[in-house]
Amino acid sequence: MSEPMRQEAPYPTVLAALVQATRYKAGWKFYLADLDRGQGSKGLTLVINITGPNSYHPGDLISVNHYMLVPPAAYDDRSWRRWLFDQIVMVERHEAMEWFQLAIPDAPASAWDWRDRIERPYARATGPATTLPDPGGRHRRRPADIIPRRNLMRQPSSSSAWSPRSSWPCRRSA
């Protein structure tokens, strides 16, 4: 195993004050925490907690934590404000990518007609490699992007069942 990377900066008191003062949509909460984010990555983290409808099961409410790495920097008020805003925009983009769906009229013949098949062309796989948007704006497609809608509604919604929103880096909050 290689040596861990080390970065240091003064505690961002300006950012902490901004996070405490941040108000956004209903169901959105913001706080700073020193977390182990997995894969040996530890440090100060902006946690954006959202409680709202589940994009894969809209009838269910879900609470999800989005972990945003705080850069080791000594920014001023204006710079931290913009950084905080950009993190909210990144989470909104992630949510929009999950909610965006297209019906597939030319889907292969199956037990369901085409109206019961959807594609989520921009839903990203969650996990360590997908924390930030792809720099080129391209998004990986996987066979699970085409999901029979009826099957989605029958999947268990317990907290122990895997769902795209229950795995790292977006974890259900306790």
Protein backbone atom coordinates (compact mmCIF):
# COMPACT_ATOMS: atom_id res chain seq x y z
CA MET A 1 0.00 0.00 0.00
CA SER A 2 1.33 3.43 -0.87
CA GLU A 3 1.76 6.33 1.51
CA PRO A 4 -1.43 8.30 2.13
CA MET A 5 -1.67 11.70 0.52
CA ARG A 6 -1.62 14.56 3.01
CA GLN A 7 -3.13 18.00 2.58
CA GLU A 8 -3.53 20.72 5.19
CA ALA A 9 -5.30 24.03 5.40
CA PRO A 10 -6.74 26.15 8.17
CA TYR A 11 -10.23 25.13 9.31
CA PRO A 12 -12.64 26.99 6.98
CA THR A 13 -14.52 29.06 9.57
CA VAL A 14 -15.94 31.23 6.79
CA LEU A 15 -17.36 28.15 5.06
CA ALA A 16 -18.73 26.81 8.36
CA ALA A 17 -20.64 30.08 8.90
CA LEU A 18 -21.97 30.00 5.33
CA VAL A 19 -23.11 26.37 5.68
CA GLN A 20 -24.98 27.23 8.89
CA ALA A 21 -26.66 30.16 7.13
CA THR A 22 -27.58 28.22 3.97
CA ARG A 23 -31.30 27.84 3.21
CA TYR A 24 -32.50 26.04 0.11
CA LYS A 25 -35.46 23.82 -0.78
CA ALA A 26 -37.70 22.12 1.76
CA GLY A 27 -36.12 18.82 2.80
CA TRP A 28 -32.52 19.98 2.12
CA LYS A 29 -30.05 20.21 5.03
CA PHE A 30 -26.38 21.17 5.02
CA TYR A 31 -23.60 20.51 7.49
CA LEU A 32 -19.84 19.98 7.71
CA ALA A 33 -18.40 16.77 9.16
CA ASP A 34 -15.00 15.11 9.39
CA LEU A 35 -15.83 11.78 7.70
CA ASP A 36 -14.29 8.59 6.45
CA ARG A 37 -15.74 8.57 2.92
CA GLY A 38 -14.43 5.12 2.08
CA GLN A 39 -11.48 3.93 0.00
CA GLY A 40 -9.08 5.52 2.49
CA SER A 41 -10.49 8.98 1.81
CA LYS A 42 -11.04 10.93 5.03
CA GLY A 43 -11.47 14.56 5.83
CA LEU A 44 -13.72 17.56 6.06
CA THR A 45 -16.87 16.94 4.06
CA LEU A 46 -19.88 19.04 3.16
CA VAL A 47 -22.91 16.81 3.67
CA ILE A 48 -25.99 17.75 1.66
CA ASN A 49 -28.90 15.73 3.03
CA ILE A 50 -32.05 15.57 0.93
CA THR A 51 -35.34 14.09 2.08
CA GLY A 52 -37.83 13.76 -0.75
CA PRO A 53 -39.40 11.40 -3.29
CA ASN A 54 -37.29 8.50 -4.52
CA SER A 55 -36.65 8.91 -8.26
CA TYR A 56 -36.90 5.14 -8.77
CA HIS A 57 -39.96 4.71 -6.49
CA PRO A 58 -41.72 8.13 -6.52
CA GLY A 59 -44.31 7.02 -3.95
CA ASP A 60 -41.57 6.46 -1.36
CA LEU A 61 -39.78 9.17 0.62
CA ILE A 62 -36.04 8.73 0.90
CA SER A 63 -33.32 10.54 2.80
CA VAL A 64 -29.96 10.67 1.02
CA ASN A 65 -26.60 12.15 1.98
CA HIS A 66 -24.44 13.60 -0.78
CA TYR A 67 -20.80 13.88 0.33
CA MET A 68 -18.80 16.76 -1.13
CA LEU A 69 -15.06 16.92 -0.39
CA VAL A 70 -14.06 20.27 1.08
CA PRO A 71 -10.89 21.47 -0.64
CA PRO A 72 -7.93 22.23 1.62
CA ALA A 73 -7.90 25.93 0.80
CA ALA A 74 -7.98 29.29 2.54
CA TYR A 75 -10.71 30.88 0.43
CA ASP A 76 -12.35 34.20 1.23
CA ASP A 77 -16.10 34.66 1.78
CA ARG A 78 -16.85 35.23 -1.90
CA SER A 79 -14.94 32.12 -3.04
CA TRP A 80 -16.51 29.83 -0.39
CA ARG A 81 -19.96 31.17 -1.29
CA ARG A 82 -19.44 30.22 -4.92
CA TRP A 83 -17.98 26.84 -3.99
CA LEU A 84 -21.00 26.10 -1.76
CA PHE A 85 -23.42 27.15 -4.53
CA ASP A 86 -21.58 24.99 -7.06
CA GLN A 87 -21.96 21.94 -4.78
CA ILE A 88 -25.74 22.50 -4.63
CA VAL A 89 -25.86 22.81 -8.43
CA MET A 90 -23.88 19.58 -8.77
CA VAL A 91 -26.38 17.74 -6.53
CA GLU A 92 -29.32 19.25 -8.46
CA ARG A 93 -27.76 18.06 -11.71
CA HIS A 94 -27.34 14.58 -10.24
CA GLU A 95 -31.00 14.54 -9.18
CA ALA A 96 -32.19 15.80 -12.59
CA MET A 97 -30.16 13.05 -14.29
CA GLU A 98 -31.91 10.42 -12.15
CA TRP A 99 -35.41 11.84 -12.70
CA PHE A 100 -35.10 12.32 -16.48
CA GLN A 101 -36.79 9.41 -18.29
CA LEU A 102 -37.79 8.56 -21.85
CA ALA A 103 -40.33 5.98 -22.96
CA ILE A 104 -38.80 3.62 -25.51
CA PRO A 105 -41.28 3.02 -28.34
CA ASP A 106 -39.01 0.65 -30.27
CA ALA A 107 -38.01 -1.55 -27.32
CA PRO A 108 -37.72 -5.27 -28.10
CA ALA A 109 -40.93 -7.27 -27.87
CA SER A 110 -41.59 -8.45 -24.34
CA ALA A 111 -44.39 -9.14 -21.89
CA TRP A 112 -45.00 -5.39 -21.66
CA ASP A 113 -45.87 -2.92 -24.36
CA TRP A 114 -43.47 -0.03 -25.08
CA ARG A 115 -45.19 2.37 -22.66
CA ASP A 116 -43.98 0.20 -19.79
CA ARG A 117 -40.32 0.48 -20.75
CA ILE A 118 -38.29 3.52 -19.86
CA GLU A 119 -34.76 4.67 -20.37
CA ARG A 120 -32.83 6.86 -17.95
CA PRO A 121 -30.12 8.02 -20.36
CA TYR A 122 -28.31 10.21 -17.84
CA ALA A 123 -28.79 8.27 -14.61
CA ARG A 124 -25.29 7.69 -13.36
CA ALA A 125 -24.11 4.62 -11.59
CA THR A 126 -23.29 5.57 -8.03
CA GLY A 127 -19.96 4.64 -6.57
CA PRO A 128 -16.44 5.87 -6.06
CA ALA A 129 -15.76 6.52 -9.75
CA THR A 130 -18.88 8.63 -10.24
CA THR A 131 -18.57 11.18 -7.45
CA LEU A 132 -18.15 14.07 -9.88
CA PRO A 133 -19.63 14.57 -13.34
CA ASP A 134 -17.57 13.30 -16.24
CA PRO A 135 -15.40 16.23 -17.46
CA GLY A 136 -16.45 15.63 -21.06
CA GLY A 137 -20.15 15.59 -20.24
CA ARG A 138 -20.45 11.98 -21.36
CA HIS A 139 -22.24 9.47 -19.20
CA ARG A 140 -21.79 5.75 -18.97
CA ARG A 141 -24.71 3.67 -20.16
CA ARG A 142 -25.41 0.27 -18.74
CA PRO A 143 -28.11 -2.32 -19.41
CA ALA A 144 -29.85 -1.37 -16.16
CA ASP A 145 -30.64 2.05 -17.68
CA ILE A 146 -33.56 0.40 -19.46
CA ILE A 147 -35.87 -0.71 -16.69
CA PRO A 148 -39.36 -2.20 -16.96
CA ARG A 149 -41.47 0.29 -14.99
CA ARG A 150 -43.67 -2.43 -13.49
CA ASN A 151 -40.61 -4.21 -12.08
CA LEU A 152 -39.43 -0.99 -10.50
CA MET A 153 -42.62 -0.64 -8.55
CA ARG A 154 -42.38 -4.21 -7.23
CA GLN A 155 -38.83 -3.96 -5.92
CA PRO A 156 -38.54 -3.99 -2.13
CA SER A 157 -37.98 -0.58 -0.65
CA SER A 158 -36.38 -1.64 2.64
CA SER A 159 -33.20 0.12 3.66
CA SER A 160 -31.21 -3.11 3.33
CA ALA A 161 -32.09 -3.59 -0.36
CA TRP A 162 -29.61 -2.16 -2.85
CA SER A 163 -30.87 0.67 -4.97
CA PRO A 164 -28.94 3.16 -7.06
CA ARG A 165 -29.44 5.76 -4.30
CA SER A 166 -28.40 3.62 -1.36
CA SER A 167 -24.79 3.02 -2.31
CA TRP A 168 -21.71 5.20 -1.98
CA PRO A 169 -21.27 8.19 -2.37
CA CYS A 170 -24.93 8.94 -1.80
CA ARG A 171 -25.93 7.06 1.32
CA ARG A 172 -29.25 6.89 3.04
CA SER A 173 -29.07 8.76 6.27
CA ALA A 174 -30.02 7.10 9.53
